[in-house]
C-alpha atoms as a PDB file:
ATOM      1  CA  MET A   1      -2.706 -26.830   3.691  1.00  0.00           C
ATOM      2  CA  PRO A   2       0.904 -28.004   3.865  1.00  0.00           C
ATOM      3  CA  SER A   3       1.833 -30.079   0.835  1.00  0.00           C
ATOM      4  CA  SER A   4       2.825 -33.014   3.159  1.00  0.00           C
ATOM      5  CA  CYS A   5      -0.947 -33.212   4.048  1.00  0.00           C
ATOM      6  CA  ILE A   6      -2.274 -33.363   0.503  1.00  0.00           C
ATOM      7  CA  GLN A   7      -3.712 -36.794  -0.279  1.00  0.00           C
ATOM      8  CA  ALA A   8      -2.328 -38.304  -3.614  1.00  0.00           C
ATOM      9  CA  PRO A   9      -5.114 -38.928  -6.211  1.00  0.00           C
ATOM     10  CA  PRO A  10      -5.846 -42.478  -7.192  1.00  0.00           C
ATOM     11  CA  PRO A  11      -4.267 -43.597 -10.651  1.00  0.00           C
ATOM     12  CA  PHE A  12      -5.645 -42.622 -13.942  1.00  0.00           C
ATOM     13  CA  PRO A  13      -8.355 -43.388 -15.096  1.00  0.00           C
ATOM     14  CA  ALA A  14     -10.056 -43.475 -11.641  1.00  0.00           C
ATOM     15  CA  ALA A  15      -8.793 -39.807 -11.267  1.00  0.00           C
ATOM     16  CA  ARG A  16      -9.401 -37.588 -14.126  1.00  0.00           C
ATOM     17  CA  LEU A  17      -8.463 -34.176 -12.682  1.00  0.00           C
ATOM     18  CA  ARG A  18      -9.836 -32.390 -15.689  1.00  0.00           C
ATOM     19  CA  ARG A  19     -13.457 -33.429 -14.679  1.00  0.00           C
ATOM     20  CA  THR A  20     -13.827 -30.398 -12.287  1.00  0.00           C
ATOM     21  CA  ARG A  21     -12.585 -27.947 -15.032  1.00  0.00           C
ATOM     22  CA  ARG A  22     -15.231 -28.940 -17.584  1.00  0.00           C
ATOM     23  CA  THR A  23     -17.679 -26.104 -17.328  1.00  0.00           C
ATOM     24  CA  PRO A  24     -17.753 -22.722 -15.618  1.00  0.00           C
ATOM     25  CA  ALA A  25     -20.226 -24.070 -13.030  1.00  0.00           C
ATOM     26  CA  LEU A  26     -17.898 -27.083 -11.998  1.00  0.00           C
ATOM     27  CA  ARG A  27     -14.827 -24.739 -11.996  1.00  0.00           C
ATOM     28  CA  ALA A  28     -16.706 -22.391  -9.585  1.00  0.00           C
ATOM     29  CA  LEU A  29     -17.584 -25.342  -7.357  1.00  0.00           C
ATOM     30  CA  ALA A  30     -13.868 -26.480  -7.060  1.00  0.00           C
ATOM     31  CA  ARG A  31     -12.276 -23.115  -6.847  1.00  0.00           C
ATOM     32  CA  GLU A  32      -9.989 -22.758  -3.983  1.00  0.00           C
ATOM     33  CA  THR A  33      -9.418 -18.921  -3.841  1.00  0.00           C
ATOM     34  CA  ARG A  34     -11.904 -16.157  -4.415  1.00  0.00           C
ATOM     35  CA  LEU A  35     -11.565 -12.471  -4.960  1.00  0.00           C
ATOM     36  CA  ALA A  36     -14.152  -9.914  -3.625  1.00  0.00           C
ATOM     37  CA  PRO A  37     -14.366  -6.206  -3.284  1.00  0.00           C
ATOM     38  CA  SER A  38     -13.965  -6.406   0.334  1.00  0.00           C
ATOM     39  CA  ASP A  39     -10.386  -7.684  -0.287  1.00  0.00           C
ATOM     40  CA  LEU A  40      -9.406  -4.232  -1.812  1.00  0.00           C
ATOM     41  CA  ILE A  41      -7.986  -0.952  -0.546  1.00  0.00           C
ATOM     42  CA  TRP A  42      -8.084   1.878  -2.996  1.00  0.00           C
ATOM     43  CA  PRO A  43      -5.099   4.171  -2.869  1.00  0.00           C
ATOM     44  CA  ILE A  44      -5.927   7.614  -4.219  1.00  0.00           C
ATOM     45  CA  PHE A  45      -3.749  10.699  -4.722  1.00  0.00           C
ATOM     46  CA  LEU A  46      -4.629  14.061  -3.526  1.00  0.00           C
ATOM     47  CA  ILE A  47      -4.008  17.619  -4.720  1.00  0.00           C
ATOM     48  CA  GLU A  48      -4.975  21.109  -3.616  1.00  0.00           C
ATOM     49  CA  GLY A  49      -7.788  22.718  -5.475  1.00  0.00           C
ATOM     50  CA  GLU A  50     -11.589  22.453  -5.869  1.00  0.00           C
ATOM     51  CA  ASN A  51     -13.383  19.958  -8.374  1.00  0.00           C
ATOM     52  CA  ALA A  52      -9.809  19.301  -9.610  1.00  0.00           C
ATOM     53  CA  GLU A  53      -8.654  16.136 -11.274  1.00  0.00           C
ATOM     54  CA  GLU A  54      -5.158  15.769 -12.720  1.00  0.00           C
ATOM     55  CA  PRO A  55      -4.149  12.624 -14.736  1.00  0.00           C
ATOM     56  CA  VAL A  56      -0.935  10.803 -13.632  1.00  0.00           C
ATOM     57  CA  ALA A  57       0.840  10.394 -16.963  1.00  0.00           C
ATOM     58  CA  SER A  58       2.722   7.258 -16.081  1.00  0.00           C
ATOM     59  CA  MET A  59      -0.516   5.549 -14.491  1.00  0.00           C
ATOM     60  CA  PRO A  60      -3.091   5.602 -17.291  1.00  0.00           C
ATOM     61  CA  GLY A  61      -6.569   5.777 -15.761  1.00  0.00           C
ATOM     62  CA  VAL A  62      -5.303   7.272 -12.401  1.00  0.00           C
ATOM     63  CA  ALA A  63      -5.607  10.898 -11.444  1.00  0.00           C
ATOM     64  CA  ARG A  64      -4.819  13.170  -8.536  1.00  0.00           C
ATOM     65  CA  LEU A  65      -7.924  14.376  -6.853  1.00  0.00           C
ATOM     66  CA  SER A  66      -8.888  17.533  -4.854  1.00  0.00           C
ATOM     67  CA  VAL A  67     -10.575  16.844  -1.599  1.00  0.00           C
ATOM     68  CA  ASP A  68     -13.976  17.182  -2.771  1.00  0.00           C
ATOM     69  CA  ARG A  69     -13.249  14.652  -5.641  1.00  0.00           C
ATOM     70  CA  ALA A  70     -11.578  12.339  -3.051  1.00  0.00           C
ATOM     71  CA  VAL A  71     -15.027  12.574  -0.977  1.00  0.00           C
ATOM     72  CA  ALA A  72     -16.918  11.475  -4.171  1.00  0.00           C
ATOM     73  CA  ALA A  73     -14.285   8.391  -4.550  1.00  0.00           C
ATOM     74  CA  ALA A  74     -15.124   7.427  -1.126  1.00  0.00           C
ATOM     75  CA  ARG A  75     -18.798   7.398  -1.645  1.00  0.00           C
ATOM     76  CA  GLU A  76     -18.069   5.388  -4.881  1.00  0.00           C
ATOM     77  CA  ALA A  77     -15.816   3.002  -3.003  1.00  0.00           C
ATOM     78  CA  MET A  78     -18.622   2.454  -0.383  1.00  0.00           C
ATOM     79  CA  ALA A  79     -21.276   1.685  -2.994  1.00  0.00           C
ATOM     80  CA  LEU A  80     -18.936  -0.800  -4.655  1.00  0.00           C
ATOM     81  CA  GLY A  81     -18.312  -2.530  -1.372  1.00  0.00           C
ATOM     82  CA  ILE A  82     -14.640  -1.512  -1.076  1.00  0.00           C
ATOM     83  CA  PRO A  83     -13.822  -1.118   2.634  1.00  0.00           C
ATOM     84  CA  ALA A  84     -11.004   1.291   2.718  1.00  0.00           C
ATOM     85  CA  LEU A  85      -9.182   4.184   0.935  1.00  0.00           C
ATOM     86  CA  CYS A  86      -5.483   4.941   1.315  1.00  0.00           C
ATOM     87  CA  LEU A  87      -4.594   8.771   0.948  1.00  0.00           C
ATOM     88  CA  PHE A  88      -1.256  10.028  -0.535  1.00  0.00           C
ATOM     89  CA  PRO A  89      -0.892  13.781  -1.027  1.00  0.00           C
ATOM     90  CA  ARG A  90       0.992  15.568  -3.640  1.00  0.00           C
ATOM     91  CA  THR A  91       2.388  18.484  -1.507  1.00  0.00           C
ATOM     92  CA  ASP A  92       2.697  22.015  -2.863  1.00  0.00           C
ATOM     93  CA  PRO A  93       6.449  22.360  -3.429  1.00  0.00           C
ATOM     94  CA  LYS A  94       6.269  25.729  -1.446  1.00  0.00           C
ATOM     95  CA  ALA A  95       5.161  23.815   1.556  1.00  0.00           C
ATOM     96  CA  LYS A  96       8.164  21.341   1.567  1.00  0.00           C
ATOM     97  CA  THR A  97      10.823  22.325   4.024  1.00  0.00           C
ATOM     98  CA  ALA A  98      14.069  20.694   5.416  1.00  0.00           C
ATOM     99  CA  GLY A  99      12.123  20.173   8.784  1.00  0.00           C
ATOM    100  CA  CYS A 100       9.126  18.609   7.008  1.00  0.00           C
ATOM    101  CA  GLU A 101       6.741  20.577   9.309  1.00  0.00           C
ATOM    102  CA  GLU A 102       3.849  20.197   6.840  1.00  0.00           C
ATOM    103  CA  ALA A 103       3.844  16.550   7.723  1.00  0.00           C
ATOM    104  CA  TRP A 104       2.179  17.070  10.947  1.00  0.00           C
ATOM    105  CA  ASN A 105       0.220  20.167  10.098  1.00  0.00           C
ATOM    106  CA  PRO A 106      -3.369  19.593  11.334  1.00  0.00           C
ATOM    107  CA  ASP A 107      -4.562  21.357   8.197  1.00  0.00           C
ATOM    108  CA  ASN A 108      -2.462  19.668   5.491  1.00  0.00           C
ATOM    109  CA  LEU A 109      -3.941  18.081   2.496  1.00  0.00           C
ATOM    110  CA  THR A 110      -4.190  14.638   3.994  1.00  0.00           C
ATOM    111  CA  ASN A 111      -5.630  15.792   7.178  1.00  0.00           C
ATOM    112  CA  ARG A 112      -8.283  17.801   5.600  1.00  0.00           C
ATOM    113  CA  ALA A 113      -9.248  14.990   3.291  1.00  0.00           C
ATOM    114  CA  ILE A 114      -9.489  12.609   6.304  1.00  0.00           C
ATOM    115  CA  ARG A 115     -12.013  15.032   8.020  1.00  0.00           C
ATOM    116  CA  ALA A 116     -14.024  15.565   4.770  1.00  0.00           C
ATOM    117  CA  ILE A 117     -14.227  11.935   4.071  1.00  0.00           C
ATOM    118  CA  ARG A 118     -15.112  10.833   7.638  1.00  0.00           C
ATOM    119  CA  GLU A 119     -18.023  13.461   7.664  1.00  0.00           C
ATOM    120  CA  ALA A 120     -19.358  12.392   4.172  1.00  0.00           C
ATOM    121  CA  ALA A 121     -18.651   8.775   4.210  1.00  0.00           C
ATOM    122  CA  PRO A 122     -18.407   7.634   7.787  1.00  0.00           C
ATOM    123  CA  GLY A 123     -18.836   3.856   6.887  1.00  0.00           C
ATOM    124  CA  ILE A 124     -15.380   3.830   5.001  1.00  0.00           C
ATOM    125  CA  ALA A 125     -12.087   2.967   6.689  1.00  0.00           C
ATOM    126  CA  ILE A 126      -9.476   5.726   6.044  1.00  0.00           C
ATOM    127  CA  MET A 127      -5.910   4.641   5.716  1.00  0.00           C
ATOM    128  CA  THR A 128      -3.105   6.985   5.709  1.00  0.00           C
ATOM    129  CA  ASP A 129       0.741   6.887   4.712  1.00  0.00           C
ATOM    130  CA  ILE A 130       3.424   7.853   7.296  1.00  0.00           C
ATOM    131  CA  ALA A 131       6.677   8.847   5.698  1.00  0.00           C
ATOM    132  CA  LEU A 132       8.374  12.199   4.966  1.00  0.00           C
ATOM    133  CA  ASP A 133       8.880  11.899   1.343  1.00  0.00           C
ATOM    134  CA  PRO A 134       5.867  13.952   0.226  1.00  0.00           C
ATOM    135  CA  TYR A 135       7.216  16.891   2.442  1.00  0.00           C
ATOM    136  CA  ASN A 136      10.838  16.435   2.199  1.00  0.00           C
ATOM    137  CA  PRO A 137      12.592  18.689  -0.620  1.00  0.00           C
ATOM    138  CA  ASP A 138      14.960  15.775  -1.191  1.00  0.00           C
ATOM    139  CA  GLY A 139      12.278  13.165  -1.715  1.00  0.00           C
ATOM    140  CA  HIS A 140      13.532  10.730   1.017  1.00  0.00           C
ATOM    141  CA  ASP A 141      11.396   9.095   3.611  1.00  0.00           C
ATOM    142  CA  GLY A 142      13.453  10.572   6.504  1.00  0.00           C
ATOM    143  CA  PHE A 143      15.604  13.475   7.375  1.00  0.00           C
ATOM    144  CA  VAL A 144      19.087  13.420   5.501  1.00  0.00           C
ATOM    145  CA  ARG A 145      22.213  14.529   7.483  1.00  0.00           C
ATOM    146  CA  ASP A 146      25.618  14.309   5.986  1.00  0.00           C
ATOM    147  CA  GLY A 147      24.487  11.828   3.363  1.00  0.00           C
ATOM    148  CA  LYS A 148      22.716   9.493   5.800  1.00  0.00           C
ATOM    149  CA  ILE A 149      19.059   9.093   6.834  1.00  0.00           C
ATOM    150  CA  VAL A 150      19.091   9.786  10.607  1.00  0.00           C
ATOM    151  CA  ASN A 151      16.792   7.231  12.162  1.00  0.00           C
ATOM    152  CA  ASP A 152      15.857   8.536  15.627  1.00  0.00           C
ATOM    153  CA  GLU A 153      15.193  12.099  14.580  1.00  0.00           C
ATOM    154  CA  THR A 154      12.999  10.811  11.755  1.00  0.00           C
ATOM    155  CA  VAL A 155      11.052   8.607  14.098  1.00  0.00           C
ATOM    156  CA  GLU A 156      10.179  11.627  16.365  1.00  0.00           C
ATOM    157  CA  ALA A 157       8.831  13.402  13.165  1.00  0.00           C
ATOM    158  CA  LEU A 158       6.785  10.315  12.198  1.00  0.00           C
ATOM    159  CA  VAL A 159       5.229  10.152  15.638  1.00  0.00           C
ATOM    160  CA  ARG A 160       4.046  13.833  15.324  1.00  0.00           C
ATOM    161  CA  MET A 161       2.746  12.905  11.782  1.00  0.00           C
ATOM    162  CA  ALA A 162       0.971   9.871  13.142  1.00  0.00           C
ATOM    163  CA  LEU A 163      -0.803  11.722  15.937  1.00  0.00           C
ATOM    164  CA  ALA A 164      -1.978  14.538  13.588  1.00  0.00           C
ATOM    165  CA  GLN A 165      -3.534  11.945  11.390  1.00  0.00           C
ATOM    166  CA  ALA A 166      -5.183  10.129  14.291  1.00  0.00           C
ATOM    167  CA  GLU A 167      -6.551  13.369  15.539  1.00  0.00           C
ATOM    168  CA  ALA A 168      -7.964  14.145  12.144  1.00  0.00           C
ATOM    169  CA  GLY A 169      -9.881  10.702  12.216  1.00  0.00           C
ATOM    170  CA  ALA A 170      -7.716   8.174  10.349  1.00  0.00           C
ATOM    171  CA  ASP A 171      -8.667   4.527  11.118  1.00  0.00           C
ATOM    172  CA  ILE A 172      -5.423   2.861   9.906  1.00  0.00           C
ATOM    173  CA  LEU A 173      -1.933   4.308  10.000  1.00  0.00           C
ATOM    174  CA  GLY A 174       0.569   3.017   7.470  1.00  0.00           C
ATOM    175  CA  PRO A 175       4.081   3.634   8.375  1.00  0.00           C
ATOM    176  CA  SER A 176       5.980   3.101   5.071  1.00  0.00           C
ATOM    177  CA  ASP A 177       9.272   4.753   5.937  1.00  0.00           C
ATOM    178  CA  MET A 178      11.295   1.696   7.178  1.00  0.00           C
ATOM    179  CA  MET A 179      12.922   3.442  10.146  1.00  0.00           C
ATOM    180  CA  ASP A 180      13.908   1.108  13.041  1.00  0.00           C
ATOM    181  CA  GLY A 181      11.723   1.489  16.049  1.00  0.00           C
ATOM    182  CA  ARG A 182       8.939   3.557  14.526  1.00  0.00           C
ATOM    183  CA  ILE A 183       6.092   1.133  15.289  1.00  0.00           C
ATOM    184  CA  GLY A 184       6.853   1.052  19.083  1.00  0.00           C
ATOM    185  CA  ALA A 185       7.175   4.683  19.320  1.00  0.00           C
ATOM    186  CA  ILE A 186       3.966   5.392  17.343  1.00  0.00           C
ATOM    187  CA  ARG A 187       2.014   2.823  19.200  1.00  0.00           C
ATOM    188  CA  THR A 188       3.135   4.269  22.549  1.00  0.00           C
ATOM    189  CA  ALA A 189       2.215   7.905  21.469  1.00  0.00           C
ATOM    190  CA  LEU A 190      -1.165   6.762  20.253  1.00  0.00           C
ATOM    191  CA  GLU A 191      -1.864   5.011  23.560  1.00  0.00           C
ATOM    192  CA  ASN A 192      -0.889   8.021  25.577  1.00  0.00           C
ATOM    193  CA  ALA A 193      -2.824  10.378  23.426  1.00  0.00           C
ATOM    194  CA  GLY A 194      -6.175   8.246  23.956  1.00  0.00           C
ATOM    195  CA  HIS A 195      -5.987   6.885  20.299  1.00  0.00           C
ATOM    196  CA  GLU A 196      -5.861   3.227  21.373  1.00  0.00           C
ATOM    197  CA  ASP A 197      -8.303   2.127  18.727  1.00  0.00           C
ATOM    198  CA  VAL A 198      -6.371   3.318  15.874  1.00  0.00           C
ATOM    199  CA  LEU A 199      -4.776   0.542  13.826  1.00  0.00           C
ATOM    200  CA  ILE A 200      -1.142   0.260  12.486  1.00  0.00           C
ATOM    201  CA  LEU A 201      -0.741  -1.503   9.077  1.00  0.00           C
ATOM    202  CA  SER A 202       3.003  -1.610   9.012  1.00  0.00           C
ATOM    203  CA  TYR A 203       4.882  -1.632   5.898  1.00  0.00           C
ATOM    204  CA  ALA A 204       7.056  -4.194   7.381  1.00  0.00           C
ATOM    205  CA  ALA A 205       8.735  -5.753   4.403  1.00  0.00           C
ATOM    206  CA  LYS A 206       9.211  -2.794   1.964  1.00  0.00           C
ATOM    207  CA  TYR A 207      11.775  -3.476  -0.702  1.00  0.00           C
ATOM    208  CA  ALA A 208      14.128  -1.036  -2.542  1.00  0.00           C
ATOM    209  CA  SER A 209      12.455  -1.651  -5.617  1.00  0.00           C
ATOM    210  CA  ALA A 210      12.522  -0.435  -9.279  1.00  0.00           C
ATOM    211  CA  PHE A 211       8.714  -0.617  -9.353  1.00  0.00           C
ATOM    212  CA  TYR A 212       7.964   2.632  -7.511  1.00  0.00           C
ATOM    213  CA  GLY A 213       8.791   5.188 -10.282  1.00  0.00           C
ATOM    214  CA  PRO A 214       5.120   6.114 -11.303  1.00  0.00           C
ATOM    215  CA  PHE A 215       4.245   6.488  -7.687  1.00  0.00           C
ATOM    216  CA  ARG A 216       7.050   8.942  -7.084  1.00  0.00           C
ATOM    217  CA  ASP A 217       6.021  11.050 -10.046  1.00  0.00           C
ATOM    218  CA  ALA A 218       2.346  11.010  -8.814  1.00  0.00           C
ATOM    219  CA  VAL A 219       3.328  12.498  -5.194  1.00  0.00           C
ATOM    220  CA  GLY A 220       6.037  14.843  -6.662  1.00  0.00           C
ATOM    221  CA  ALA A 221       9.025  13.099  -5.056  1.00  0.00           C
ATOM    222  CA  GLY A 222      10.568  11.463  -8.059  1.00  0.00           C
ATOM    223  CA  GLN A 223      12.654  14.335  -9.550  1.00  0.00           C
ATOM    224  CA  ALA A 224      13.846  15.596  -6.187  1.00  0.00           C
ATOM    225  CA  LEU A 225      14.875  12.097  -5.255  1.00  0.00           C
ATOM    226  CA  GLY A 226      16.959  11.887  -8.374  1.00  0.00           C
ATOM    227  CA  LYS A 227      19.124  14.782  -7.153  1.00  0.00           C
ATOM    228  CA  THR A 228      20.192  13.269  -3.872  1.00  0.00           C
ATOM    229  CA  ALA A 229      22.566  10.451  -3.101  1.00  0.00           C
ATOM    230  CA  LEU A 230      22.940   8.812   0.162  1.00  0.00           C
ATOM    231  CA  SER A 231      26.299   7.511   1.335  1.00  0.00           C
ATOM    232  CA  GLY A 232      26.272   3.815   0.406  1.00  0.00           C
ATOM    233  CA  ALA A 233      23.673   4.176  -2.409  1.00  0.00           C
ATOM    234  CA  ALA A 234      23.285   5.411  -5.877  1.00  0.00           C
ATOM    235  CA  ARG A 235      21.482   8.634  -6.632  1.00  0.00           C
ATOM    236  CA  GLY A 236      17.823   8.396  -6.055  1.00  0.00           C
ATOM    237  CA  ASP A 237      18.222   5.015  -4.333  1.00  0.00           C
ATOM    238  CA  LYS A 238      16.662   4.247  -0.979  1.00  0.00           C
ATOM    239  CA  SER A 239      18.484   0.870  -0.321  1.00  0.00           C
ATOM    240  CA  THR A 240      20.185   2.095   2.855  1.00  0.00           C
ATOM    241  CA  TYR A 241      16.687   1.977   4.635  1.00  0.00           C
ATOM    242  CA  GLN A 242      14.516  -0.165   2.266  1.00  0.00           C
ATOM    243  CA  MET A 243      14.949  -3.943   2.057  1.00  0.00           C
ATOM    244  CA  ASP A 244      17.451  -5.807  -0.259  1.00  0.00           C
ATOM    245  CA  PRO A 245      15.343  -7.497  -2.955  1.00  0.00           C
ATOM    246  CA  ALA A 246      17.415 -10.686  -2.462  1.00  0.00           C
ATOM    247  CA  ASN A 247      16.304 -11.133   1.226  1.00  0.00           C
ATOM    248  CA  THR A 248      13.270 -13.125   2.617  1.00  0.00           C
ATOM    249  CA  ASP A 249      14.528 -14.311   6.002  1.00  0.00           C
ATOM    250  CA  GLU A 250      15.234 -10.592   6.816  1.00  0.00           C
ATOM    251  CA  ALA A 251      11.514  -9.950   6.090  1.00  0.00           C
ATOM    252  CA  LEU A 252      10.336 -12.439   8.775  1.00  0.00           C
ATOM    253  CA  ARG A 253      12.599 -10.732  11.228  1.00  0.00           C
ATOM    254  CA  LEU A 254      11.178  -7.234  10.325  1.00  0.00           C
ATOM    255  CA  VAL A 255       7.640  -8.682  10.522  1.00  0.00           C
ATOM    256  CA  ALA A 256       8.171 -10.298  13.883  1.00  0.00           C
ATOM    257  CA  ARG A 257       9.682  -7.113  15.315  1.00  0.00           C
ATOM    258  CA  ASP A 258       6.890  -4.912  14.123  1.00  0.00           C
ATOM    259  CA  LEU A 259       4.263  -7.166  15.567  1.00  0.00           C
ATOM    260  CA  SER A 260       6.118  -7.276  18.885  1.00  0.00           C
ATOM    261  CA  GLU A 261       6.126  -3.422  18.809  1.00  0.00           C
ATOM    262  CA  GLY A 262       2.343  -3.032  18.311  1.00  0.00           C
ATOM    263  CA  ALA A 263       1.581  -3.398  14.701  1.00  0.00           C
ATOM    264  CA  ASP A 264      -1.963  -4.882  14.043  1.00  0.00           C
ATOM    265  CA  MET A 265      -1.342  -5.886  10.530  1.00  0.00           C
ATOM    266  CA  VAL A 266       1.513  -6.101   8.046  1.00  0.00           C
ATOM    267  CA  MET A 267       2.317  -5.261   4.460  1.00  0.00           C
ATOM    268  CA  ILE A 268       4.661  -6.568   1.865  1.00  0.00           C
ATOM    269  CA  LYS A 269       5.605  -4.024  -0.911  1.00  0.00           C
ATOM    270  CA  PRO A 270       5.791  -4.531  -3.904  1.00  0.00           C
ATOM    271  CA  GLY A 271       3.310  -7.335  -4.480  1.00  0.00           C
ATOM    272  CA  MET A 272       3.806  -9.730  -7.362  1.00  0.00           C
ATOM    273  CA  PRO A 273       7.525  -9.827  -7.496  1.00  0.00           C
ATOM    274  CA  TYR A 274       7.386 -10.821  -3.683  1.00  0.00           C
ATOM    275  CA  LEU A 275       4.541 -13.351  -3.556  1.00  0.00           C
ATOM    276  CA  ASP A 276       7.001 -15.804  -1.842  1.00  0.00           C
ATOM    277  CA  VAL A 277       7.473 -13.376   0.919  1.00  0.00           C
ATOM    278  CA  CYS A 278       3.655 -12.792   1.227  1.00  0.00           C
ATOM    279  CA  ALA A 279       3.107 -16.616   1.658  1.00  0.00           C
ATOM    280  CA  ARG A 280       6.067 -17.116   4.143  1.00  0.00           C
ATOM    281  CA  VAL A 281       4.712 -14.257   6.200  1.00  0.00           C
ATOM    282  CA  LYS A 282       1.188 -15.512   6.341  1.00  0.00           C
ATOM    283  CA  GLU A 283       2.261 -19.075   7.059  1.00  0.00           C
ATOM    284  CA  SER A 284       4.758 -18.032   9.796  1.00  0.00           C
ATOM    285  CA  PHE A 285       2.656 -15.477  11.654  1.00  0.00           C
ATOM    286  CA  GLY A 286      -1.052 -15.937  10.718  1.00  0.00           C
ATOM    287  CA  VAL A 287      -1.793 -12.237  11.087  1.00  0.00           C
ATOM    288  CA  PRO A 288      -3.723 -10.109   8.835  1.00  0.00           C
ATOM    289  CA  THR A 289      -1.207  -9.667   5.893  1.00  0.00           C
ATOM    290  CA  PHE A 290      -1.530  -7.363   3.000  1.00  0.00           C
ATOM    291  CA  ALA A 291       0.363  -6.678  -0.238  1.00  0.00           C
ATOM    292  CA  TYR A 292       0.641  -3.363  -2.343  1.00  0.00           C
ATOM    293  CA  GLN A 293       0.269  -3.924  -6.041  1.00  0.00           C
ATOM    294  CA  VAL A 294       2.432  -0.879  -6.613  1.00  0.00           C
ATOM    295  CA  SER A 295       2.411   1.753  -9.389  1.00  0.00           C
ATOM    296  CA  GLY A 296       5.041  -0.075 -11.538  1.00  0.00           C
ATOM    297  CA  GLU A 297       2.959  -3.200 -11.561  1.00  0.00           C
ATOM    298  CA  TYR A 298      -0.204  -1.279 -12.427  1.00  0.00           C
ATOM    299  CA  ALA A 299       1.575   0.623 -15.296  1.00  0.00           C
ATOM    300  CA  MET A 300       2.984  -2.606 -16.846  1.00  0.00           C
ATOM    301  CA  ILE A 301      -0.399  -4.217 -17.097  1.00  0.00           C
ATOM    302  CA  GLU A 302      -1.944  -1.125 -18.339  1.00  0.00           C
ATOM    303  CA  SER A 303       0.642  -0.376 -20.933  1.00  0.00           C
ATOM    304  CA  ALA A 304       0.728  -3.881 -22.192  1.00  0.00           C
ATOM    305  CA  ALA A 305      -3.053  -3.995 -22.349  1.00  0.00           C
ATOM    306  CA  ALA A 306      -3.156  -0.622 -24.304  1.00  0.00           C
ATOM    307  CA  ARG A 307      -0.808  -2.101 -26.783  1.00  0.00           C
ATOM    308  CA  GLY A 308      -2.853  -5.219 -27.453  1.00  0.00           C
ATOM    309  CA  TRP A 309      -0.158  -7.379 -26.030  1.00  0.00           C
ATOM    310  CA  ILE A 310      -2.234  -8.920 -23.064  1.00  0.00           C
ATOM    311  CA  ASP A 311      -5.886  -9.066 -22.110  1.00  0.00           C
ATOM    312  CA  GLY A 312      -5.782  -6.332 -19.588  1.00  0.00           C
ATOM    313  CA  GLU A 313      -9.021  -7.196 -17.771  1.00  0.00           C
ATOM    314  CA  LYS A 314      -8.046 -10.919 -17.376  1.00  0.00           C
ATOM    315  CA  ALA A 315      -4.377  -9.926 -16.332  1.00  0.00           C
ATOM    316  CA  MET A 316      -5.724  -7.455 -13.845  1.00  0.00           C
ATOM    317  CA  LEU A 317      -8.078 -10.164 -12.199  1.00  0.00           C
ATOM    318  CA  GLU A 318      -5.419 -12.845 -12.372  1.00  0.00           C
ATOM    319  CA  SER A 319      -2.722 -10.627 -10.635  1.00  0.00           C
ATOM    320  CA  LEU A 320      -4.974  -9.884  -7.840  1.00  0.00           C
ATOM    321  CA  LEU A 321      -6.164 -13.437  -7.432  1.00  0.00           C
ATOM    322  CA  ALA A 322      -2.453 -14.379  -7.131  1.00  0.00           C
ATOM    323  CA  PHE A 323      -2.265 -12.291  -3.840  1.00  0.00           C
ATOM    324  CA  LYS A 324      -5.170 -13.930  -2.370  1.00  0.00           C
ATOM    325  CA  ARG A 325      -3.737 -17.445  -3.312  1.00  0.00           C
ATOM    326  CA  ALA A 326      -0.438 -16.443  -1.559  1.00  0.00           C
ATOM    327  CA  GLY A 327      -2.485 -15.916   1.594  1.00  0.00           C
ATOM    328  CA  CYS A 328      -2.926 -12.122   1.569  1.00  0.00           C
ATOM    329  CA  ASN A 329      -6.087 -10.924   3.416  1.00  0.00           C
ATOM    330  CA  GLY A 330      -6.204  -7.922   1.137  1.00  0.00           C
ATOM    331  CA  ILE A 331      -4.532  -5.821  -1.458  1.00  0.00           C
ATOM    332  CA  LEU A 332      -3.838  -2.059  -2.164  1.00  0.00           C
ATOM    333  CA  THR A 333      -4.479  -1.703  -5.820  1.00  0.00           C
ATOM    334  CA  TYR A 334      -5.182   1.075  -8.172  1.00  0.00           C
ATOM    335  CA  PHE A 335      -7.439  -1.363 -10.080  1.00  0.00           C
ATOM    336  CA  ALA A 336      -9.924  -1.488  -7.052  1.00  0.00           C
ATOM    337  CA  PRO A 337     -12.992   0.385  -8.431  1.00  0.00           C
ATOM    338  CA  ARG A 338     -12.659  -1.258 -11.765  1.00  0.00           C
ATOM    339  CA  VAL A 339     -12.246  -4.669 -10.154  1.00  0.00           C
ATOM    340  CA  ALA A 340     -15.149  -4.060  -7.863  1.00  0.00           C
ATOM    341  CA  ARG A 341     -17.466  -3.166 -10.698  1.00  0.00           C
ATOM    342  CA  LEU A 342     -16.510  -6.208 -12.668  1.00  0.00           C
ATOM    343  CA  LEU A 343     -17.045  -8.598  -9.679  1.00  0.00           C
ATOM    344  CA  ALA A 344     -20.425  -7.016  -9.128  1.00  0.00           C
ATOM    345  CA  GLY A 345     -21.518  -7.243 -12.711  1.00  0.00           C
END
């Protein structure tokens, strides 16, 4: 509700606003915002192999999973009431090429995982990532030519990638590359190929953030990215195509553009440092709005909790509730299964 519509309370002591805070039951009755397992999307990392689990050193409690373990995670998610998984592959370095052909290989790691999960857990929604960084030897989201990310050539590759994922059975495609025009190109290709029911959750406002480091380690792009410098950016920096952290009006323009091109839902990434953007997007457009509680946010909470500096469980829940309070319909978070178990118990 806009602040101009909020009724001022009567003067003290007629109004004692602490009355509704006195007991857990009263606090529950007056609570404005609620968090449920159905608000969560669980991002998982994939690796080759069988019955394999590989811890991510910079993300305590998170591991890369082989396809069979990802299937087990999907079944766990369904049992916990989590409606969706999002898949991120750690591609074998031998499969990475300058042309990124593995990105649209029908039998790549992501597409095999989609088919396996679809067969074993048909009730869960499968979201994927569309960007070239897991397949690119230089770790960038698009093709690098003469020190620049070439937009239109990259979009053509992203369309191939999107079609391969849709053919494999993905429900939701998540273009995270930040190329201009990719939403319209992907939507047109999906319609023409008979995939009109596949949703696009656009990373419409993805910032050039310092909070992505552990994720880049998890998918194997961090070390390669650190070797490449684009014209107009520092080494390892994606600021020529991801958003300037200083801007919010630009985020609204990007959201408006992606919706006009056929995005069904939009995302803000990272999450907590950009709650103001989440709130502005939801208030301005009223569309399904998501945030990604990224790897750096997760790692900060886990690291501080491990040292006894904060109550990790309370910080985890408080951080996720903040996204709902800002207007988000849902959150991508590595805490998803832990939170769902807590909420159920």
